[in-house]
PDB file of N, CA and C in Angstrom:
ATOM      1  N   MET A   1      17.063  11.346   7.488  1.00  0.00           N
ATOM      2  CA  MET A   1      16.969  11.040   6.081  1.00  0.00           C
ATOM      3  C   MET A   1      15.854  10.012   5.873  1.00  0.00           C
ATOM      4  N   ALA A   2      14.958  10.287   4.930  1.00  0.00           N
ATOM      5  CA  ALA A   2      13.835   9.402   4.648  1.00  0.00           C
ATOM      6  C   ALA A   2      14.303   8.166   3.880  1.00  0.00           C
ATOM      7  N   PHE A   3      13.591   7.070   4.069  1.00  0.00           N
ATOM      8  CA  PHE A   3      13.883   5.823   3.373  1.00  0.00           C
ATOM      9  C   PHE A   3      13.583   6.006   1.889  1.00  0.00           C
ATOM     10  N   LYS A   4      14.521   5.623   1.023  1.00  0.00           N
ATOM     11  CA  LYS A   4      14.326   5.756  -0.419  1.00  0.00           C
ATOM     12  C   LYS A   4      14.400   4.371  -1.049  1.00  0.00           C
ATOM     13  N   LEU A   5      13.353   4.023  -1.805  1.00  0.00           N
ATOM     14  CA  LEU A   5      13.329   2.740  -2.489  1.00  0.00           C
ATOM     15  C   LEU A   5      14.243   2.768  -3.705  1.00  0.00           C
ATOM     16  N   LYS A   6      15.034   1.728  -3.865  1.00  0.00           N
ATOM     17  CA  LYS A   6      15.835   1.572  -5.074  1.00  0.00           C
ATOM     18  C   LYS A   6      14.893   1.209  -6.219  1.00  0.00           C
ATOM     19  N   GLU A   7      15.260   1.583  -7.427  1.00  0.00           N
ATOM     20  CA  GLU A   7      14.431   1.265  -8.575  1.00  0.00           C
ATOM     21  C   GLU A   7      14.262  -0.247  -8.703  1.00  0.00           C
ATOM     22  N   ASP A   8      13.046  -0.655  -8.988  1.00  0.00           N
ATOM     23  CA  ASP A   8      12.649  -2.056  -9.143  1.00  0.00           C
ATOM     24  C   ASP A   8      12.767  -2.864  -7.851  1.00  0.00           C
ATOM     25  N   HIS A   9      12.580  -2.183  -6.710  1.00  0.00           N
ATOM     26  CA  HIS A   9      12.556  -2.811  -5.389  1.00  0.00           C
ATOM     27  C   HIS A   9      11.343  -2.301  -4.620  1.00  0.00           C
ATOM     28  N   GLY A  10      10.911  -3.080  -3.643  1.00  0.00           N
ATOM     29  CA  GLY A  10       9.797  -2.675  -2.803  1.00  0.00           C
ATOM     30  C   GLY A  10       9.915  -3.269  -1.416  1.00  0.00           C
ATOM     31  N   SER A  11       9.007  -2.855  -0.536  1.00  0.00           N
ATOM     32  CA  SER A  11       8.984  -3.349   0.843  1.00  0.00           C
ATOM     33  C   SER A  11       7.550  -3.482   1.304  1.00  0.00           C
ATOM     34  N   LEU A  12       7.282  -4.529   2.079  1.00  0.00           N
ATOM     35  CA  LEU A  12       5.997  -4.727   2.733  1.00  0.00           C
ATOM     36  C   LEU A  12       6.221  -4.732   4.235  1.00  0.00           C
ATOM     37  N   TRP A  13       5.319  -4.104   4.976  1.00  0.00           N
ATOM     38  CA  TRP A  13       5.416  -4.001   6.419  1.00  0.00           C
ATOM     39  C   TRP A  13       4.102  -4.456   7.032  1.00  0.00           C
ATOM     40  N   HIS A  14       4.162  -5.029   8.216  1.00  0.00           N
ATOM     41  CA  HIS A  14       2.957  -5.449   8.925  1.00  0.00           C
ATOM     42  C   HIS A  14       2.052  -4.232   9.116  1.00  0.00           C
ATOM     43  N   ASN A  15       0.773  -4.363   8.761  1.00  0.00           N
ATOM     44  CA  ASN A  15      -0.187  -3.265   8.861  1.00  0.00           C
ATOM     45  C   ASN A  15      -0.700  -3.165  10.294  1.00  0.00           C
ATOM     46  N   GLU A  16      -0.135  -2.247  11.049  1.00  0.00           N
ATOM     47  CA  GLU A  16      -0.531  -2.060  12.447  1.00  0.00           C
ATOM     48  C   GLU A  16      -1.844  -1.294  12.572  1.00  0.00           C
ATOM     49  N   ASN A  17      -2.356  -0.750  11.450  1.00  0.00           N
ATOM     50  CA  ASN A  17      -3.602   0.026  11.469  1.00  0.00           C
ATOM     51  C   ASN A  17      -4.784  -0.777  10.939  1.00  0.00           C
ATOM     52  N   LYS A  18      -4.647  -2.080  10.779  1.00  0.00           N
ATOM     53  CA  LYS A  18      -5.730  -2.910  10.254  1.00  0.00           C
ATOM     54  C   LYS A  18      -6.882  -2.918  11.255  1.00  0.00           C
ATOM     55  N   SER A  19      -8.057  -2.466  10.798  1.00  0.00           N
ATOM     56  CA  SER A  19      -9.215  -2.430  11.684  1.00  0.00           C
ATOM     57  C   SER A  19     -10.392  -3.240  11.143  1.00  0.00           C
ATOM     58  N   LYS A  20     -10.305  -3.728   9.899  1.00  0.00           N
ATOM     59  CA  LYS A  20     -11.355  -4.561   9.300  1.00  0.00           C
ATOM     60  C   LYS A  20     -10.711  -5.764   8.635  1.00  0.00           C
ATOM     61  N   ASP A  21     -11.464  -6.852   8.517  1.00  0.00           N
ATOM     62  CA  ASP A  21     -10.943  -8.077   7.909  1.00  0.00           C
ATOM     63  C   ASP A  21     -10.472  -7.879   6.474  1.00  0.00           C
ATOM     64  N   ASN A  22     -11.126  -6.969   5.729  1.00  0.00           N
ATOM     65  CA  ASN A  22     -10.737  -6.783   4.326  1.00  0.00           C
ATOM     66  C   ASN A  22      -9.533  -5.859   4.153  1.00  0.00           C
ATOM     67  N   HIS A  23      -9.044  -5.242   5.223  1.00  0.00           N
ATOM     68  CA  HIS A  23      -7.824  -4.431   5.134  1.00  0.00           C
ATOM     69  C   HIS A  23      -6.629  -5.360   4.965  1.00  0.00           C
ATOM     70  N   PRO A  24      -5.595  -4.907   4.249  1.00  0.00           N
ATOM     71  CA  PRO A  24      -4.423  -5.772   4.049  1.00  0.00           C
ATOM     72  C   PRO A  24      -3.680  -6.057   5.354  1.00  0.00           C
ATOM     73  N   ASP A  25      -3.090  -7.256   5.415  1.00  0.00           N
ATOM     74  CA  ASP A  25      -2.259  -7.628   6.559  1.00  0.00           C
ATOM     75  C   ASP A  25      -0.908  -6.922   6.491  1.00  0.00           C
ATOM     76  N   TYR A  26      -0.479  -6.602   5.270  1.00  0.00           N
ATOM     77  CA  TYR A  26       0.799  -5.929   5.041  1.00  0.00           C
ATOM     78  C   TYR A  26       0.572  -4.796   4.050  1.00  0.00           C
ATOM     79  N   THR A  27       1.286  -3.692   4.227  1.00  0.00           N
ATOM     80  CA  THR A  27       1.237  -2.580   3.287  1.00  0.00           C
ATOM     81  C   THR A  27       2.656  -2.144   2.974  1.00  0.00           C
ATOM     82  N   GLY A  28       2.815  -1.473   1.858  1.00  0.00           N
ATOM     83  CA  GLY A  28       4.144  -0.996   1.499  1.00  0.00           C
ATOM     84  C   GLY A  28       4.130  -0.281   0.169  1.00  0.00           C
ATOM     85  N   LYS A  29       5.310  -0.120  -0.382  1.00  0.00           N
ATOM     86  CA  LYS A  29       5.489   0.575  -1.652  1.00  0.00           C
ATOM     87  C   LYS A  29       6.518  -0.163  -2.486  1.00  0.00           C
ATOM     88  N   ILE A  30       6.432   0.066  -3.802  1.00  0.00           N
ATOM     89  CA  ILE A  30       7.386  -0.507  -4.738  1.00  0.00           C
ATOM     90  C   ILE A  30       7.731   0.554  -5.782  1.00  0.00           C
ATOM     91  N   ASN A  31       8.982   0.560  -6.203  1.00  0.00           N
ATOM     92  CA  ASN A  31       9.462   1.482  -7.228  1.00  0.00           C
ATOM     93  C   ASN A  31       9.655   0.681  -8.510  1.00  0.00           C
ATOM     94  N   VAL A  32       8.775   0.916  -9.488  1.00  0.00           N
ATOM     95  CA  VAL A  32       8.844   0.200 -10.760  1.00  0.00           C
ATOM     96  C   VAL A  32       9.194   1.207 -11.854  1.00  0.00           C
ATOM     97  N   GLY A  33      10.410   1.124 -12.359  1.00  0.00           N
ATOM     98  CA  GLY A  33      10.835   2.040 -13.418  1.00  0.00           C
ATOM     99  C   GLY A  33      10.774   3.493 -13.014  1.00  0.00           C
ATOM    100  N   GLY A  34      10.984   3.784 -11.737  1.00  0.00           N
ATOM    101  CA  GLY A  34      10.959   5.155 -11.241  1.00  0.00           C
ATOM    102  C   GLY A  34       9.586   5.623 -10.791  1.00  0.00           C
ATOM    103  N   VAL A  35       8.565   4.777 -10.933  1.00  0.00           N
ATOM    104  CA  VAL A  35       7.207   5.110 -10.500  1.00  0.00           C
ATOM    105  C   VAL A  35       6.925   4.400  -9.178  1.00  0.00           C
ATOM    106  N   ILE A  36       6.534   5.152  -8.150  1.00  0.00           N
ATOM    107  CA  ILE A  36       6.235   4.589  -6.845  1.00  0.00           C
ATOM    108  C   ILE A  36       4.771   4.160  -6.814  1.00  0.00           C
ATOM    109  N   LEU A  37       4.525   2.883  -6.498  1.00  0.00           N
ATOM    110  CA  LEU A  37       3.189   2.322  -6.396  1.00  0.00           C
ATOM    111  C   LEU A  37       2.978   1.765  -4.995  1.00  0.00           C
ATOM    112  N   GLU A  38       1.713   1.682  -4.587  1.00  0.00           N
ATOM    113  CA  GLU A  38       1.389   1.136  -3.268  1.00  0.00           C
ATOM    114  C   GLU A  38       1.125  -0.362  -3.365  1.00  0.00           C
ATOM    115  N   LEU A  39       1.477  -1.077  -2.298  1.00  0.00           N
ATOM    116  CA  LEU A  39       1.271  -2.517  -2.218  1.00  0.00           C
ATOM    117  C   LEU A  39       0.359  -2.848  -1.045  1.00  0.00           C
ATOM    118  N   GLY A  40      -0.456  -3.862  -1.220  1.00  0.00           N
ATOM    119  CA  GLY A  40      -1.240  -4.436  -0.138  1.00  0.00           C
ATOM    120  C   GLY A  40      -1.032  -5.935  -0.176  1.00  0.00           C
ATOM    121  N   GLY A  41      -0.901  -6.564   0.969  1.00  0.00           N
ATOM    122  CA  GLY A  41      -0.687  -8.006   1.023  1.00  0.00           C
ATOM    123  C   GLY A  41      -1.616  -8.655   2.035  1.00  0.00           C
ATOM    124  N   TRP A  42      -2.238  -9.762   1.635  1.00  0.00           N
ATOM    125  CA  TRP A  42      -3.164 -10.503   2.489  1.00  0.00           C
ATOM    126  C   TRP A  42      -2.661 -11.922   2.700  1.00  0.00           C
ATOM    127  N   LYS A  43      -2.643 -12.382   3.963  1.00  0.00           N
ATOM    128  CA  LYS A  43      -2.292 -13.768   4.269  1.00  0.00           C
ATOM    129  C   LYS A  43      -3.471 -14.642   3.858  1.00  0.00           C
ATOM    130  N   ASN A  44      -3.209 -15.660   3.052  1.00  0.00           N
ATOM    131  CA  ASN A  44      -4.241 -16.572   2.569  1.00  0.00           C
ATOM    132  C   ASN A  44      -3.798 -18.010   2.743  1.00  0.00           C
ATOM    133  N   GLU A  45      -4.744 -18.917   2.558  1.00  0.00           N
ATOM    134  CA  GLU A  45      -4.448 -20.338   2.649  1.00  0.00           C
ATOM    135  C   GLU A  45      -5.178 -21.071   1.522  1.00  0.00           C
ATOM    136  N   THR A  46      -4.472 -21.990   0.856  1.00  0.00           N
ATOM    137  CA  THR A  46      -5.091 -22.791  -0.201  1.00  0.00           C
ATOM    138  C   THR A  46      -5.979 -23.866   0.410  1.00  0.00           C
ATOM    139  N   LYS A  47      -6.753 -24.529  -0.432  1.00  0.00           N
ATOM    140  CA  LYS A  47      -7.601 -25.630   0.039  1.00  0.00           C
ATOM    141  C   LYS A  47      -6.767 -26.759   0.626  1.00  0.00           C
ATOM    142  N   ASP A  48      -5.511 -26.866   0.178  1.00  0.00           N
ATOM    143  CA  ASP A  48      -4.598 -27.897   0.692  1.00  0.00           C
ATOM    144  C   ASP A  48      -3.918 -27.489   1.990  1.00  0.00           C
ATOM    145  N   GLY A  49      -4.194 -26.275   2.480  1.00  0.00           N
ATOM    146  CA  GLY A  49      -3.619 -25.814   3.738  1.00  0.00           C
ATOM    147  C   GLY A  49      -2.288 -25.105   3.606  1.00  0.00           C
ATOM    148  N   LYS A  50      -1.835 -24.831   2.377  1.00  0.00           N
ATOM    149  CA  LYS A  50      -0.573 -24.115   2.181  1.00  0.00           C
ATOM    150  C   LYS A  50      -0.841 -22.612   2.272  1.00  0.00           C
ATOM    151  N   THR A  51       0.029 -21.920   2.974  1.00  0.00           N
ATOM    152  CA  THR A  51      -0.140 -20.474   3.125  1.00  0.00           C
ATOM    153  C   THR A  51       0.592 -19.727   2.020  1.00  0.00           C
ATOM    154  N   TYR A  52       0.031 -18.577   1.656  1.00  0.00           N
ATOM    155  CA  TYR A  52       0.663 -17.702   0.667  1.00  0.00           C
ATOM    156  C   TYR A  52       0.238 -16.269   0.927  1.00  0.00           C
ATOM    157  N   LEU A  53       0.921 -15.345   0.292  1.00  0.00           N
ATOM    158  CA  LEU A  53       0.632 -13.929   0.434  1.00  0.00           C
ATOM    159  C   LEU A  53       0.083 -13.414  -0.889  1.00  0.00           C
ATOM    160  N   GLY A  54      -1.183 -12.976  -0.887  1.00  0.00           N
ATOM    161  CA  GLY A  54      -1.794 -12.367  -2.067  1.00  0.00           C
ATOM    162  C   GLY A  54      -1.426 -10.892  -2.098  1.00  0.00           C
ATOM    163  N   ILE A  55      -1.066 -10.392  -3.264  1.00  0.00           N
ATOM    164  CA  ILE A  55      -0.566  -9.021  -3.397  1.00  0.00           C
ATOM    165  C   ILE A  55      -1.460  -8.209  -4.331  1.00  0.00           C
ATOM    166  N   LYS A  56      -1.678  -6.939  -3.997  1.00  0.00           N
ATOM    167  CA  LYS A  56      -2.372  -6.000  -4.870  1.00  0.00           C
ATOM    168  C   LYS A  56      -1.486  -4.775  -5.045  1.00  0.00           C
ATOM    169  N   VAL A  57      -1.357  -4.308  -6.291  1.00  0.00           N
ATOM    170  CA  VAL A  57      -0.582  -3.113  -6.612  1.00  0.00           C
ATOM    171  C   VAL A  57      -1.565  -2.038  -7.050  1.00  0.00           C
ATOM    172  N   SER A  58      -1.396  -0.815  -6.555  1.00  0.00           N
ATOM    173  CA  SER A  58      -2.307   0.266  -6.926  1.00  0.00           C
ATOM    174  C   SER A  58      -1.574   1.594  -6.994  1.00  0.00           C
ATOM    175  N   GLU A  59      -2.208   2.534  -7.686  1.00  0.00           N
ATOM    176  CA  GLU A  59      -1.697   3.902  -7.740  1.00  0.00           C
ATOM    177  C   GLU A  59      -1.764   4.479  -6.325  1.00  0.00           C
ATOM    178  N   PRO A  60      -0.828   5.368  -5.964  1.00  0.00           N
ATOM    179  CA  PRO A  60      -0.887   5.989  -4.638  1.00  0.00           C
ATOM    180  C   PRO A  60      -2.181   6.783  -4.466  1.00  0.00           C
ATOM    181  N   MET A  61      -2.792   6.651  -3.295  1.00  0.00           N
ATOM    182  CA  MET A  61      -3.993   7.416  -2.992  1.00  0.00           C
ATOM    183  C   MET A  61      -3.593   8.820  -2.580  1.00  0.00           C
ATOM    184  N   GLU A  62      -4.377   9.812  -3.031  1.00  0.00           N
ATOM    185  CA  GLU A  62      -4.103  11.184  -2.626  1.00  0.00           C
ATOM    186  C   GLU A  62      -4.492  11.358  -1.169  1.00  0.00           C
ATOM    187  N   LYS A  63      -3.630  12.041  -0.428  1.00  0.00           N
ATOM    188  CA  LYS A  63      -3.913  12.285   0.978  1.00  0.00           C
ATOM    189  C   LYS A  63      -4.875  13.457   1.079  1.00  0.00           C
ATOM    190  N   LYS A  64      -5.894  13.299   1.944  1.00  0.00           N
ATOM    191  CA  LYS A  64      -6.862  14.364   2.152  1.00  0.00           C
ATOM    192  C   LYS A  64      -6.252  15.419   3.058  1.00  0.00           C
ATOM    193  N   SER A  65      -6.449  16.662   2.701  1.00  0.00           N
ATOM    194  CA  SER A  65      -5.943  17.771   3.500  1.00  0.00           C
ATOM    195  C   SER A  65      -6.963  18.123   4.571  1.00  0.00           C
ATOM    196  N   SER A  66      -6.548  18.163   5.813  1.00  0.00           N
ATOM    197  CA  SER A  66      -7.444  18.532   6.905  1.00  0.00           C
ATOM    198  C   SER A  66      -7.435  20.032   7.151  1.00  0.00           C
ATOM    199  N   SER A  67      -6.583  20.761   6.406  1.00  0.00           N
ATOM    200  CA  SER A  67      -6.481  22.199   6.630  1.00  0.00           C
ATOM    201  C   SER A  67      -7.476  22.991   5.819  1.00  0.00           C
ATOM    202  N   GLY A  68      -8.294  22.305   4.970  1.00  0.00           N
ATOM    203  CA  GLY A  68      -9.270  23.012   4.167  1.00  0.00           C
ATOM    204  C   GLY A  68      -8.629  23.813   3.061  1.00  0.00           C
ATOM    205  N   GLY A  69      -7.506  23.323   2.539  1.00  0.00           N
ATOM    206  CA  GLY A  69      -6.784  24.032   1.493  1.00  0.00           C
ATOM    207  C   GLY A  69      -7.536  24.044   0.192  1.00  0.00           C
ATOM    208  N   ASP A  70      -7.022  24.787  -0.770  1.00  0.00           N
ATOM    209  CA  ASP A  70      -7.649  24.952  -2.063  1.00  0.00           C
ATOM    210  C   ASP A  70      -7.485  23.683  -2.888  1.00  0.00           C
ATOM    211  N   ASP A  71      -8.607  23.032  -3.209  1.00  0.00           N
ATOM    212  CA  ASP A  71      -8.558  21.816  -4.015  1.00  0.00           C
ATOM    213  C   ASP A  71      -8.971  22.101  -5.449  1.00  0.00           C
ATOM    214  N   GLY A  72      -9.081  23.366  -5.836  1.00  0.00           N
ATOM    215  CA  GLY A  72      -9.456  23.732  -7.182  1.00  0.00           C
ATOM    216  C   GLY A  72     -10.957  23.836  -7.372  1.00  0.00           C
ATOM    217  N   SER A  73     -11.734  23.480  -6.365  1.00  0.00           N
ATOM    218  CA  SER A  73     -13.192  23.558  -6.446  1.00  0.00           C
ATOM    219  C   SER A  73     -13.639  24.977  -6.194  1.00  0.00           C
ATOM    220  N   PRO A  74     -14.634  25.459  -6.988  1.00  0.00           N
ATOM    221  CA  PRO A  74     -15.112  26.831  -6.760  1.00  0.00           C
ATOM    222  C   PRO A  74     -15.991  26.960  -5.532  1.00  0.00           C
ATOM    223  N   PHE A  75     -16.336  25.857  -4.880  1.00  0.00           N
ATOM    224  CA  PHE A  75     -17.236  25.915  -3.713  1.00  0.00           C
ATOM    225  C   PHE A  75     -16.525  25.639  -2.428  1.00  0.00           C
TER     226      PHE A  75
END
């Protein structure tokens, strides 16, 4: 059974696929009013040395098909 997010809840997980500094340290998803959105989180530090997690919310990215399926393009 796949993990299902409860409405108005989300989860962040350590990004084990981070290969560049600008990639998020944490990735996950959140369910807001029944809409699933993607999360990215970056570990940051203030000028005073306090740590915090910066968060970005975005629409889910479409997964690219490697099978060469029909994408609606005539070419």
